[in-house]
Amino acid sequence: MTESPLATWHRLVADHNMEGLDALLDDNAVFYSPVVHRPQVGKAITCKYLMAAFHVFFNDSFRYVRELKSEHDAILEFELELDGIAINGVDMITWNDAGKITEFKVMLRPLKAVNLIHQKMGARLQAAA
């Protein structure tokens, strides 16, 4: 049996290993950032944002604390601490019948966290360019 897209995502996060992310994304995947006002469309840019997020978000304090899911989507609430700031957020993930992620939306709180993530993600994306 093939691993579900959600199980694959959880494995990548738990292993702190992005290998397999490209195969998990649909060619037309869309990424919605909490700090960029336009959706980022396409596998390449979605992968770039998620790779940067892996480096910024997934420290030892990161953990998913709640999960709501249906046949083709899930909402994953997470918490972490970064630079002394407690961050709470939500990953909203949608996938198609082929098991490929078609949409990935991130929401964050509080505002101090949004500003910090904006700074760190910007630096990470700039370094990767």
N, C-alpha and C. Protein backbone atom coordinates (compact mmCIF):
# COMPACT_ATOMS: atom_id res chain seq x y z
N MET A 1 0.83 -1.18 0.00
CA MET A 1 0.00 0.00 0.00
C MET A 1 0.88 1.25 0.00
N THR A 2 0.51 2.24 -0.77
CA THR A 2 1.25 3.48 -0.86
C THR A 2 0.95 4.36 0.36
N GLU A 3 1.99 5.01 0.86
CA GLU A 3 1.85 5.91 2.00
C GLU A 3 0.98 7.11 1.61
N SER A 4 0.09 7.52 2.48
CA SER A 4 -0.77 8.68 2.19
C SER A 4 0.09 9.95 2.14
N PRO A 5 -0.38 10.98 1.41
CA PRO A 5 0.39 12.23 1.36
C PRO A 5 0.61 12.84 2.76
N LEU A 6 -0.38 12.72 3.63
CA LEU A 6 -0.25 13.26 4.97
C LEU A 6 0.80 12.48 5.77
N ALA A 7 0.78 11.16 5.65
CA ALA A 7 1.78 10.33 6.33
C ALA A 7 3.18 10.64 5.80
N THR A 8 3.30 10.85 4.49
CA THR A 8 4.59 11.21 3.91
C THR A 8 5.06 12.55 4.47
N TRP A 9 4.17 13.54 4.52
CA TRP A 9 4.52 14.84 5.08
C TRP A 9 5.01 14.71 6.52
N HIS A 10 4.27 13.97 7.34
CA HIS A 10 4.67 13.77 8.74
C HIS A 10 6.04 13.09 8.83
N ARG A 11 6.30 12.14 7.96
CA ARG A 11 7.60 11.45 7.96
C ARG A 11 8.73 12.42 7.61
N LEU A 12 8.52 13.25 6.58
CA LEU A 12 9.54 14.23 6.19
C LEU A 12 9.84 15.18 7.35
N VAL A 13 8.80 15.64 8.02
CA VAL A 13 8.97 16.56 9.15
C VAL A 13 9.69 15.85 10.31
N ALA A 14 9.25 14.66 10.65
CA ALA A 14 9.84 13.92 11.77
C ALA A 14 11.32 13.61 11.51
N ASP A 15 11.64 13.29 10.26
CA ASP A 15 13.02 12.95 9.91
C ASP A 15 13.89 14.17 9.64
N HIS A 16 13.26 15.36 9.62
CA HIS A 16 13.98 16.60 9.25
C HIS A 16 14.72 16.38 7.93
N ASN A 17 14.02 15.78 6.99
CA ASN A 17 14.63 15.41 5.71
C ASN A 17 13.67 15.77 4.58
N MET A 18 14.10 16.65 3.72
CA MET A 18 13.24 17.11 2.64
C MET A 18 13.28 16.21 1.40
N GLU A 19 14.10 15.19 1.43
CA GLU A 19 14.15 14.28 0.30
C GLU A 19 12.77 13.64 0.14
N GLY A 20 12.22 13.75 -1.02
CA GLY A 20 10.88 13.23 -1.25
C GLY A 20 9.84 14.33 -1.36
N LEU A 21 10.21 15.57 -0.99
CA LEU A 21 9.24 16.67 -1.09
C LEU A 21 8.83 16.91 -2.52
N ASP A 22 9.78 16.93 -3.43
CA ASP A 22 9.48 17.18 -4.84
C ASP A 22 8.46 16.17 -5.38
N ALA A 23 8.64 14.91 -5.02
CA ALA A 23 7.72 13.87 -5.48
C ALA A 23 6.34 13.99 -4.85
N LEU A 24 6.25 14.66 -3.71
CA LEU A 24 4.99 14.82 -3.00
C LEU A 24 4.13 15.95 -3.57
N LEU A 25 4.77 16.88 -4.30
CA LEU A 25 4.07 18.05 -4.81
C LEU A 25 3.55 17.85 -6.23
N ASP A 26 2.33 18.32 -6.47
CA ASP A 26 1.76 18.36 -7.81
C ASP A 26 2.49 19.43 -8.62
N ASP A 27 2.57 19.26 -9.93
CA ASP A 27 3.23 20.25 -10.79
C ASP A 27 2.62 21.64 -10.66
N ASN A 28 1.33 21.70 -10.37
CA ASN A 28 0.62 22.99 -10.25
C ASN A 28 0.32 23.36 -8.80
N ALA A 29 1.13 22.87 -7.88
CA ALA A 29 0.93 23.17 -6.46
C ALA A 29 0.96 24.67 -6.22
N VAL A 30 0.18 25.10 -5.23
CA VAL A 30 0.12 26.52 -4.86
C VAL A 30 0.48 26.64 -3.38
N PHE A 31 1.37 27.59 -3.10
CA PHE A 31 1.78 27.85 -1.72
C PHE A 31 1.26 29.22 -1.30
N TYR A 32 0.58 29.27 -0.14
CA TYR A 32 0.08 30.51 0.43
C TYR A 32 0.89 30.81 1.69
N SER A 33 1.65 31.88 1.63
CA SER A 33 2.51 32.29 2.74
C SER A 33 1.78 33.27 3.63
N PRO A 34 2.09 33.27 4.93
CA PRO A 34 1.49 34.27 5.81
C PRO A 34 2.09 35.67 5.62
N VAL A 35 3.16 35.77 4.84
CA VAL A 35 3.82 37.07 4.69
C VAL A 35 3.93 37.55 3.24
N VAL A 36 3.46 36.75 2.29
CA VAL A 36 3.48 37.14 0.88
C VAL A 36 2.03 37.26 0.43
N HIS A 37 1.66 38.38 -0.14
CA HIS A 37 0.24 38.61 -0.41
C HIS A 37 -0.29 37.88 -1.64
N ARG A 38 0.57 37.34 -2.47
CA ARG A 38 0.10 36.59 -3.65
C ARG A 38 0.42 35.11 -3.50
N PRO A 39 -0.45 34.25 -3.97
CA PRO A 39 -0.14 32.82 -3.96
C PRO A 39 1.08 32.55 -4.83
N GLN A 40 1.89 31.61 -4.39
CA GLN A 40 3.07 31.19 -5.15
C GLN A 40 2.67 29.93 -5.91
N VAL A 41 2.65 30.01 -7.24
CA VAL A 41 2.08 28.95 -8.07
C VAL A 41 3.17 28.15 -8.76
N GLY A 42 3.06 26.83 -8.63
CA GLY A 42 3.96 25.91 -9.32
C GLY A 42 4.78 25.09 -8.34
N LYS A 43 5.18 23.92 -8.78
CA LYS A 43 5.94 23.00 -7.95
C LYS A 43 7.27 23.60 -7.50
N ALA A 44 7.99 24.24 -8.41
CA ALA A 44 9.33 24.74 -8.09
C ALA A 44 9.29 25.78 -6.97
N ILE A 45 8.41 26.77 -7.08
CA ILE A 45 8.35 27.83 -6.06
C ILE A 45 7.75 27.30 -4.76
N THR A 46 6.78 26.39 -4.83
CA THR A 46 6.22 25.79 -3.63
C THR A 46 7.30 25.00 -2.90
N CYS A 47 8.07 24.24 -3.64
CA CYS A 47 9.16 23.46 -3.06
C CYS A 47 10.19 24.39 -2.41
N LYS A 48 10.51 25.48 -3.07
CA LYS A 48 11.48 26.45 -2.55
C LYS A 48 11.01 27.01 -1.21
N TYR A 49 9.74 27.41 -1.12
CA TYR A 49 9.20 27.96 0.13
C TYR A 49 9.18 26.89 1.23
N LEU A 50 8.75 25.68 0.89
CA LEU A 50 8.68 24.63 1.91
C LEU A 50 10.07 24.21 2.38
N MET A 51 11.05 24.21 1.49
CA MET A 51 12.44 23.90 1.89
C MET A 51 12.95 24.97 2.84
N ALA A 52 12.69 26.23 2.55
CA ALA A 52 13.10 27.31 3.44
C ALA A 52 12.40 27.17 4.80
N ALA A 53 11.12 26.83 4.76
CA ALA A 53 10.37 26.64 6.01
C ALA A 53 10.96 25.52 6.84
N PHE A 54 11.40 24.45 6.20
CA PHE A 54 12.02 23.34 6.93
C PHE A 54 13.19 23.85 7.76
N HIS A 55 13.99 24.73 7.17
CA HIS A 55 15.18 25.24 7.87
C HIS A 55 14.81 26.24 8.97
N VAL A 56 13.75 27.00 8.76
CA VAL A 56 13.37 28.03 9.72
C VAL A 56 12.51 27.46 10.86
N PHE A 57 11.52 26.66 10.54
CA PHE A 57 10.54 26.21 11.52
C PHE A 57 10.96 24.97 12.30
N PHE A 58 11.54 24.00 11.64
CA PHE A 58 11.65 22.67 12.23
C PHE A 58 12.87 22.52 13.14
N ASN A 59 12.81 23.21 14.29
CA ASN A 59 13.83 23.02 15.32
C ASN A 59 13.30 21.98 16.32
N ASP A 60 14.03 21.79 17.40
CA ASP A 60 13.65 20.75 18.37
C ASP A 60 12.35 21.05 19.10
N SER A 61 11.90 22.32 19.07
CA SER A 61 10.66 22.65 19.79
C SER A 61 9.41 22.48 18.91
N PHE A 62 9.59 22.31 17.60
CA PHE A 62 8.44 22.20 16.70
C PHE A 62 7.66 20.93 16.97
N ARG A 63 6.33 21.09 17.03
CA ARG A 63 5.48 19.90 17.15
C ARG A 63 4.07 20.22 16.65
N TYR A 64 3.46 19.23 16.02
CA TYR A 64 2.06 19.34 15.66
C TYR A 64 1.25 18.98 16.90
N VAL A 65 0.24 19.79 17.21
CA VAL A 65 -0.54 19.58 18.43
C VAL A 65 -2.00 19.20 18.17
N ARG A 66 -2.43 19.36 16.91
CA ARG A 66 -3.81 19.01 16.56
C ARG A 66 -3.88 18.73 15.07
N GLU A 67 -4.75 17.81 14.71
CA GLU A 67 -4.90 17.46 13.30
C GLU A 67 -6.37 17.19 12.99
N LEU A 68 -6.86 17.87 11.96
CA LEU A 68 -8.20 17.62 11.45
C LEU A 68 -8.02 17.20 10.00
N LYS A 69 -8.65 16.10 9.60
CA LYS A 69 -8.43 15.66 8.23
C LYS A 69 -9.67 15.05 7.62
N SER A 70 -9.68 15.09 6.30
CA SER A 70 -10.72 14.43 5.53
C SER A 70 -10.03 13.69 4.39
N GLU A 71 -10.79 13.30 3.40
CA GLU A 71 -10.24 12.46 2.33
C GLU A 71 -9.12 13.14 1.55
N HIS A 72 -9.23 14.44 1.30
CA HIS A 72 -8.24 15.13 0.46
C HIS A 72 -7.62 16.38 1.08
N ASP A 73 -7.84 16.58 2.37
CA ASP A 73 -7.20 17.73 2.99
C ASP A 73 -7.04 17.53 4.48
N ALA A 74 -6.15 18.38 5.05
CA ALA A 74 -5.90 18.31 6.49
C ALA A 74 -5.52 19.70 6.99
N ILE A 75 -5.84 19.92 8.25
CA ILE A 75 -5.42 21.12 8.95
C ILE A 75 -4.58 20.65 10.12
N LEU A 76 -3.33 21.10 10.14
CA LEU A 76 -2.38 20.68 11.17
C LEU A 76 -1.98 21.90 11.99
N GLU A 77 -2.35 21.93 13.26
CA GLU A 77 -1.94 23.03 14.13
C GLU A 77 -0.57 22.70 14.71
N PHE A 78 0.31 23.70 14.72
CA PHE A 78 1.66 23.47 15.25
C PHE A 78 2.05 24.56 16.24
N GLU A 79 3.08 24.23 17.03
CA GLU A 79 3.68 25.16 17.96
C GLU A 79 5.19 25.00 17.89
N LEU A 80 5.88 26.10 18.15
CA LEU A 80 7.33 26.07 18.26
C LEU A 80 7.78 27.34 18.96
N GLU A 81 9.03 27.34 19.38
CA GLU A 81 9.64 28.54 19.93
C GLU A 81 10.83 28.88 19.04
N LEU A 82 10.93 30.16 18.71
CA LEU A 82 12.01 30.62 17.84
C LEU A 82 12.48 31.97 18.36
N ASP A 83 13.75 32.06 18.67
CA ASP A 83 14.33 33.29 19.21
C ASP A 83 13.54 33.82 20.41
N GLY A 84 13.09 32.91 21.26
CA GLY A 84 12.37 33.29 22.47
C GLY A 84 10.91 33.65 22.25
N ILE A 85 10.41 33.50 21.04
CA ILE A 85 9.01 33.82 20.74
C ILE A 85 8.22 32.53 20.57
N ALA A 86 7.12 32.40 21.30
CA ALA A 86 6.22 31.26 21.16
C ALA A 86 5.36 31.49 19.92
N ILE A 87 5.42 30.55 19.00
CA ILE A 87 4.71 30.66 17.72
C ILE A 87 3.65 29.58 17.66
N ASN A 88 2.48 29.96 17.20
CA ASN A 88 1.37 29.04 16.99
C ASN A 88 0.92 29.23 15.55
N GLY A 89 0.68 28.13 14.85
CA GLY A 89 0.27 28.26 13.46
C GLY A 89 -0.51 27.06 12.98
N VAL A 90 -0.90 27.16 11.72
CA VAL A 90 -1.69 26.12 11.08
C VAL A 90 -1.16 25.89 9.68
N ASP A 91 -0.96 24.63 9.33
CA ASP A 91 -0.70 24.21 7.95
C ASP A 91 -2.00 23.64 7.41
N MET A 92 -2.46 24.19 6.29
CA MET A 92 -3.66 23.67 5.63
C MET A 92 -3.19 23.03 4.33
N ILE A 93 -3.35 21.72 4.21
CA ILE A 93 -2.80 20.96 3.10
C ILE A 93 -3.93 20.27 2.33
N THR A 94 -3.90 20.40 1.01
CA THR A 94 -4.87 19.74 0.13
C THR A 94 -4.10 18.90 -0.88
N TRP A 95 -4.61 17.70 -1.16
CA TRP A 95 -3.98 16.84 -2.15
C TRP A 95 -5.03 16.27 -3.08
N ASN A 96 -4.57 15.78 -4.23
CA ASN A 96 -5.47 15.24 -5.25
C ASN A 96 -5.57 13.71 -5.15
N ASP A 97 -6.32 13.10 -6.06
CA ASP A 97 -6.50 11.64 -6.07
C ASP A 97 -5.19 10.90 -6.31
N ALA A 98 -4.23 11.56 -6.95
CA ALA A 98 -2.93 10.94 -7.21
C ALA A 98 -2.02 11.00 -5.99
N GLY A 99 -2.49 11.62 -4.91
CA GLY A 99 -1.69 11.71 -3.69
C GLY A 99 -0.64 12.81 -3.72
N LYS A 100 -0.83 13.79 -4.59
CA LYS A 100 0.10 14.91 -4.71
C LYS A 100 -0.50 16.15 -4.04
N ILE A 101 0.33 16.87 -3.29
CA ILE A 101 -0.14 18.09 -2.64
C ILE A 101 -0.40 19.15 -3.72
N THR A 102 -1.61 19.70 -3.69
CA THR A 102 -2.00 20.73 -4.66
C THR A 102 -2.03 22.12 -4.04
N GLU A 103 -2.16 22.18 -2.72
CA GLU A 103 -2.24 23.47 -2.04
C GLU A 103 -1.67 23.33 -0.64
N PHE A 104 -0.85 24.31 -0.26
CA PHE A 104 -0.26 24.34 1.07
C PHE A 104 -0.36 25.77 1.58
N LYS A 105 -1.13 25.96 2.63
CA LYS A 105 -1.36 27.30 3.18
C LYS A 105 -0.88 27.33 4.63
N VAL A 106 -0.13 28.38 4.98
CA VAL A 106 0.38 28.53 6.35
C VAL A 106 -0.21 29.80 6.96
N MET A 107 -0.69 29.67 8.18
CA MET A 107 -1.18 30.81 8.95
C MET A 107 -0.44 30.83 10.27
N LEU A 108 -0.11 32.03 10.76
CA LEU A 108 0.69 32.17 11.98
C LEU A 108 0.09 33.19 12.94
N ARG A 109 0.46 33.07 14.19
CA ARG A 109 0.16 34.06 15.21
C ARG A 109 1.23 33.97 16.27
N PRO A 110 1.47 34.93 17.07
CA PRO A 110 0.99 36.31 17.05
C PRO A 110 1.77 37.14 16.02
N LEU A 111 1.43 38.41 15.96
CA LEU A 111 2.06 39.31 14.99
C LEU A 111 3.57 39.31 15.14
N LYS A 112 4.07 39.28 16.34
CA LYS A 112 5.52 39.24 16.58
C LYS A 112 6.14 38.02 15.88
N ALA A 113 5.43 36.92 15.89
CA ALA A 113 5.91 35.70 15.22
C ALA A 113 5.89 35.87 13.70
N VAL A 114 4.84 36.49 13.19
CA VAL A 114 4.74 36.73 11.75
C VAL A 114 5.92 37.57 11.29
N ASN A 115 6.23 38.62 12.04
CA ASN A 115 7.35 39.49 11.69
C ASN A 115 8.68 38.74 11.73
N LEU A 116 8.88 37.91 12.75
CA LEU A 116 10.10 37.13 12.87
C LEU A 116 10.24 36.14 11.71
N ILE A 117 9.17 35.44 11.40
CA ILE A 117 9.19 34.47 10.31
C ILE A 117 9.43 35.18 8.98
N HIS A 118 8.82 36.33 8.79
CA HIS A 118 9.05 37.11 7.58
C HIS A 118 10.53 37.40 7.41
N GLN A 119 11.18 37.83 8.46
CA GLN A 119 12.60 38.14 8.42
C GLN A 119 13.44 36.89 8.13
N LYS A 120 13.18 35.81 8.85
CA LYS A 120 13.99 34.59 8.70
C LYS A 120 13.74 33.89 7.36
N MET A 121 12.49 33.84 6.94
CA MET A 121 12.20 33.22 5.64
C MET A 121 12.79 34.05 4.50
N GLY A 122 12.70 35.37 4.61
CA GLY A 122 13.29 36.24 3.59
C GLY A 122 14.78 36.01 3.46
N ALA A 123 15.46 35.91 4.60
CA ALA A 123 16.91 35.67 4.57
C ALA A 123 17.22 34.30 3.99
N ARG A 124 16.44 33.31 4.35
CA ARG A 124 16.67 31.94 3.85
C ARG A 124 16.42 31.86 2.34
N LEU A 125 15.34 32.47 1.88
CA LEU A 125 15.02 32.45 0.45
C LEU A 125 16.07 33.24 -0.33
N GLN A 126 16.55 34.33 0.21
CA GLN A 126 17.59 35.14 -0.44
C GLN A 126 18.88 34.34 -0.55
N ALA A 127 19.22 33.60 0.50
CA ALA A 127 20.44 32.78 0.49
C ALA A 127 20.35 31.65 -0.52
N ALA A 128 19.15 31.14 -0.74
CA ALA A 128 18.95 30.03 -1.68
C ALA A 128 18.90 30.49 -3.12
N ALA A 129 18.72 31.81 -3.34
CA ALA A 129 18.57 32.33 -4.71
C ALA A 129 19.88 32.31 -5.49
